[in-house]
Amino acid sequence: MRLRWTITLLVMAASLPACKKDAPQKEATCGAGFAKATVLHGRNLCDQNGYVIQLDAGAAYPPDSLPANLQQSGLRICLTYTLYEDPRMCACCGGTRLKIGQIQRQ
């Protein structure tokens, strides 16, 4: 009886690592001066099939240009940027836009 109990305990102890949940993945960090954001496929003012950049800080802005290799909806990125007011007379094209300084995958 004691041997059976010992074997049962050893089998249970050996199976514990198999029950371990996957450790949560660390969120990638951006370097100093970079902001976290997400590329989203959506309405880019005049370009109906364009992309916008959703900053983790809140708002989404159409970028002046987005490299083709980063044009993937849902892609997490790190970037440096400046916001500026586009003074175009066209109602759909004017407004706040995002000028990318540096950009990289997160």
C-alpha atoms as a PDB file:
ATOM      1  CA  MET A   1       0.000   0.000   0.000  1.00  0.00           C
ATOM      2  CA  ARG A   2       2.790   2.392   0.899  1.00  0.00           C
ATOM      3  CA  LEU A   3       4.627   1.578  -2.346  1.00  0.00           C
ATOM      4  CA  ARG A   4       1.498   2.279  -4.430  1.00  0.00           C
ATOM      5  CA  TRP A   5       1.039   5.626  -2.652  1.00  0.00           C
ATOM      6  CA  THR A   6       4.680   6.572  -3.254  1.00  0.00           C
ATOM      7  CA  ILE A   7       4.473   5.664  -6.945  1.00  0.00           C
ATOM      8  CA  THR A   8       1.255   7.676  -7.308  1.00  0.00           C
ATOM      9  CA  LEU A   9       2.886  10.712  -5.711  1.00  0.00           C
ATOM     10  CA  LEU A  10       5.946  10.398  -7.946  1.00  0.00           C
ATOM     11  CA  VAL A  11       3.807  10.158 -11.091  1.00  0.00           C
ATOM     12  CA  MET A  12       1.793  13.218 -10.027  1.00  0.00           C
ATOM     13  CA  ALA A  13       4.949  15.176  -9.240  1.00  0.00           C
ATOM     14  CA  ALA A  14       6.458  14.253 -12.606  1.00  0.00           C
ATOM     15  CA  SER A  15       3.341  15.421 -14.450  1.00  0.00           C
ATOM     16  CA  LEU A  16       3.234  18.888 -12.847  1.00  0.00           C
ATOM     17  CA  PRO A  17       5.530  20.560 -15.419  1.00  0.00           C
ATOM     18  CA  ALA A  18       3.146  19.418 -18.158  1.00  0.00           C
ATOM     19  CA  CYS A  19       0.333  21.351 -16.438  1.00  0.00           C
ATOM     20  CA  LYS A  20       2.311  24.567 -16.306  1.00  0.00           C
ATOM     21  CA  LYS A  21       0.583  27.325 -18.227  1.00  0.00           C
ATOM     22  CA  ASP A  22       2.519  29.114 -20.904  1.00  0.00           C
ATOM     23  CA  ALA A  23       4.284  32.090 -19.432  1.00  0.00           C
ATOM     24  CA  PRO A  24       2.884  35.348 -20.790  1.00  0.00           C
ATOM     25  CA  GLN A  25       5.059  36.769 -23.503  1.00  0.00           C
ATOM     26  CA  LYS A  26       6.860  39.946 -22.661  1.00  0.00           C
ATOM     27  CA  GLU A  27       5.570  42.865 -24.650  1.00  0.00           C
ATOM     28  CA  ALA A  28       8.196  44.193 -26.983  1.00  0.00           C
ATOM     29  CA  THR A  29       9.571  47.523 -25.925  1.00  0.00           C
ATOM     30  CA  CYS A  30      10.486  50.442 -28.088  1.00  0.00           C
ATOM     31  CA  GLY A  31      13.759  52.269 -27.737  1.00  0.00           C
ATOM     32  CA  ALA A  32      14.125  55.667 -26.114  1.00  0.00           C
ATOM     33  CA  GLY A  33      12.248  58.350 -27.997  1.00  0.00           C
ATOM     34  CA  PHE A  34      10.065  55.862 -29.897  1.00  0.00           C
ATOM     35  CA  ALA A  35       6.305  55.598 -29.478  1.00  0.00           C
ATOM     36  CA  LYS A  36       4.267  52.388 -29.726  1.00  0.00           C
ATOM     37  CA  ALA A  37       1.539  52.209 -32.337  1.00  0.00           C
ATOM     38  CA  THR A  38      -0.510  49.896 -34.542  1.00  0.00           C
ATOM     39  CA  VAL A  39      -0.909  50.038 -38.313  1.00  0.00           C
ATOM     40  CA  LEU A  40      -4.581  49.795 -39.288  1.00  0.00           C
ATOM     41  CA  HIS A  41      -6.081  49.371 -42.718  1.00  0.00           C
ATOM     42  CA  GLY A  42      -8.817  51.851 -43.075  1.00  0.00           C
ATOM     43  CA  ARG A  43      -9.978  55.124 -44.396  1.00  0.00           C
ATOM     44  CA  ASN A  44      -7.003  57.381 -44.975  1.00  0.00           C
ATOM     45  CA  LEU A  45      -8.938  60.548 -45.734  1.00  0.00           C
ATOM     46  CA  CYS A  46      -8.680  60.824 -49.553  1.00  0.00           C
ATOM     47  CA  ASP A  47      -7.259  57.326 -49.997  1.00  0.00           C
ATOM     48  CA  GLN A  48     -10.141  54.942 -49.231  1.00  0.00           C
ATOM     49  CA  ASN A  49      -7.813  51.897 -49.292  1.00  0.00           C
ATOM     50  CA  GLY A  50      -5.052  53.469 -47.242  1.00  0.00           C
ATOM     51  CA  TYR A  51      -3.606  52.974 -43.795  1.00  0.00           C
ATOM     52  CA  VAL A  52      -3.734  54.917 -40.567  1.00  0.00           C
ATOM     53  CA  ILE A  53      -1.441  54.717 -37.566  1.00  0.00           C
ATOM     54  CA  GLN A  54      -3.216  54.233 -34.224  1.00  0.00           C
ATOM     55  CA  LEU A  55      -0.955  55.577 -31.491  1.00  0.00           C
ATOM     56  CA  ASP A  56      -1.088  53.778 -28.149  1.00  0.00           C
ATOM     57  CA  ALA A  57      -1.599  57.230 -26.646  1.00  0.00           C
ATOM     58  CA  GLY A  58      -4.999  57.449 -28.338  1.00  0.00           C
ATOM     59  CA  ALA A  59      -5.754  58.963 -31.721  1.00  0.00           C
ATOM     60  CA  ALA A  60      -5.249  57.572 -35.221  1.00  0.00           C
ATOM     61  CA  TYR A  61      -3.650  59.640 -37.977  1.00  0.00           C
ATOM     62  CA  PRO A  62      -3.009  59.116 -41.675  1.00  0.00           C
ATOM     63  CA  PRO A  63       0.746  58.943 -42.330  1.00  0.00           C
ATOM     64  CA  ASP A  64       2.441  60.874 -45.128  1.00  0.00           C
ATOM     65  CA  SER A  65       4.056  57.652 -46.290  1.00  0.00           C
ATOM     66  CA  LEU A  66       4.203  54.133 -44.919  1.00  0.00           C
ATOM     67  CA  PRO A  67       6.826  51.675 -46.232  1.00  0.00           C
ATOM     68  CA  ALA A  68       5.273  48.833 -48.247  1.00  0.00           C
ATOM     69  CA  ASN A  69       6.793  46.178 -45.958  1.00  0.00           C
ATOM     70  CA  LEU A  70       4.890  47.685 -43.001  1.00  0.00           C
ATOM     71  CA  GLN A  71       1.492  47.936 -44.703  1.00  0.00           C
ATOM     72  CA  GLN A  72      -0.136  45.157 -42.666  1.00  0.00           C
ATOM     73  CA  SER A  73      -3.262  45.801 -40.641  1.00  0.00           C
ATOM     74  CA  GLY A  74      -2.707  45.020 -36.961  1.00  0.00           C
ATOM     75  CA  LEU A  75       1.089  45.263 -37.184  1.00  0.00           C
ATOM     76  CA  ARG A  76       2.673  46.640 -34.001  1.00  0.00           C
ATOM     77  CA  ILE A  77       5.362  49.244 -34.670  1.00  0.00           C
ATOM     78  CA  CYS A  78       7.704  51.657 -32.921  1.00  0.00           C
ATOM     79  CA  LEU A  79       8.139  55.083 -34.476  1.00  0.00           C
ATOM     80  CA  THR A  80       9.236  58.643 -34.052  1.00  0.00           C
ATOM     81  CA  TYR A  81       6.859  61.153 -35.575  1.00  0.00           C
ATOM     82  CA  THR A  82       5.620  64.707 -35.723  1.00  0.00           C
ATOM     83  CA  LEU A  83       2.027  65.800 -36.165  1.00  0.00           C
ATOM     84  CA  TYR A  84       1.169  68.712 -38.396  1.00  0.00           C
ATOM     85  CA  GLU A  85      -1.890  70.404 -39.824  1.00  0.00           C
ATOM     86  CA  ASP A  86      -2.292  69.857 -43.543  1.00  0.00           C
ATOM     87  CA  PRO A  87      -3.618  73.121 -45.008  1.00  0.00           C
ATOM     88  CA  ARG A  88      -4.963  71.627 -48.257  1.00  0.00           C
ATOM     89  CA  MET A  89      -8.192  73.140 -49.415  1.00  0.00           C
ATOM     90  CA  CYS A  90      -9.698  69.719 -50.182  1.00  0.00           C
ATOM     91  CA  ALA A  91     -12.103  68.902 -47.331  1.00  0.00           C
ATOM     92  CA  CYS A  92     -11.206  65.218 -47.277  1.00  0.00           C
ATOM     93  CA  CYS A  93      -7.440  65.730 -47.456  1.00  0.00           C
ATOM     94  CA  GLY A  94      -6.858  68.444 -44.891  1.00  0.00           C
ATOM     95  CA  GLY A  95      -6.479  67.968 -41.149  1.00  0.00           C
ATOM     96  CA  THR A  96      -3.896  66.539 -38.804  1.00  0.00           C
ATOM     97  CA  ARG A  97      -1.422  64.180 -40.420  1.00  0.00           C
ATOM     98  CA  LEU A  98       1.532  62.179 -39.125  1.00  0.00           C
ATOM     99  CA  LYS A  99       5.029  62.562 -40.536  1.00  0.00           C
ATOM    100  CA  ILE A 100       7.203  59.515 -39.778  1.00  0.00           C
ATOM    101  CA  GLY A 101      10.785  60.154 -38.681  1.00  0.00           C
ATOM    102  CA  GLN A 102      11.898  56.564 -38.000  1.00  0.00           C
ATOM    103  CA  ILE A 103       9.839  53.412 -37.988  1.00  0.00           C
ATOM    104  CA  GLN A 104      10.449  49.737 -37.161  1.00  0.00           C
ATOM    105  CA  ARG A 105       8.526  46.585 -36.294  1.00  0.00           C
ATOM    106  CA  GLN A 106       7.910  46.037 -32.620  1.00  0.00           C
END
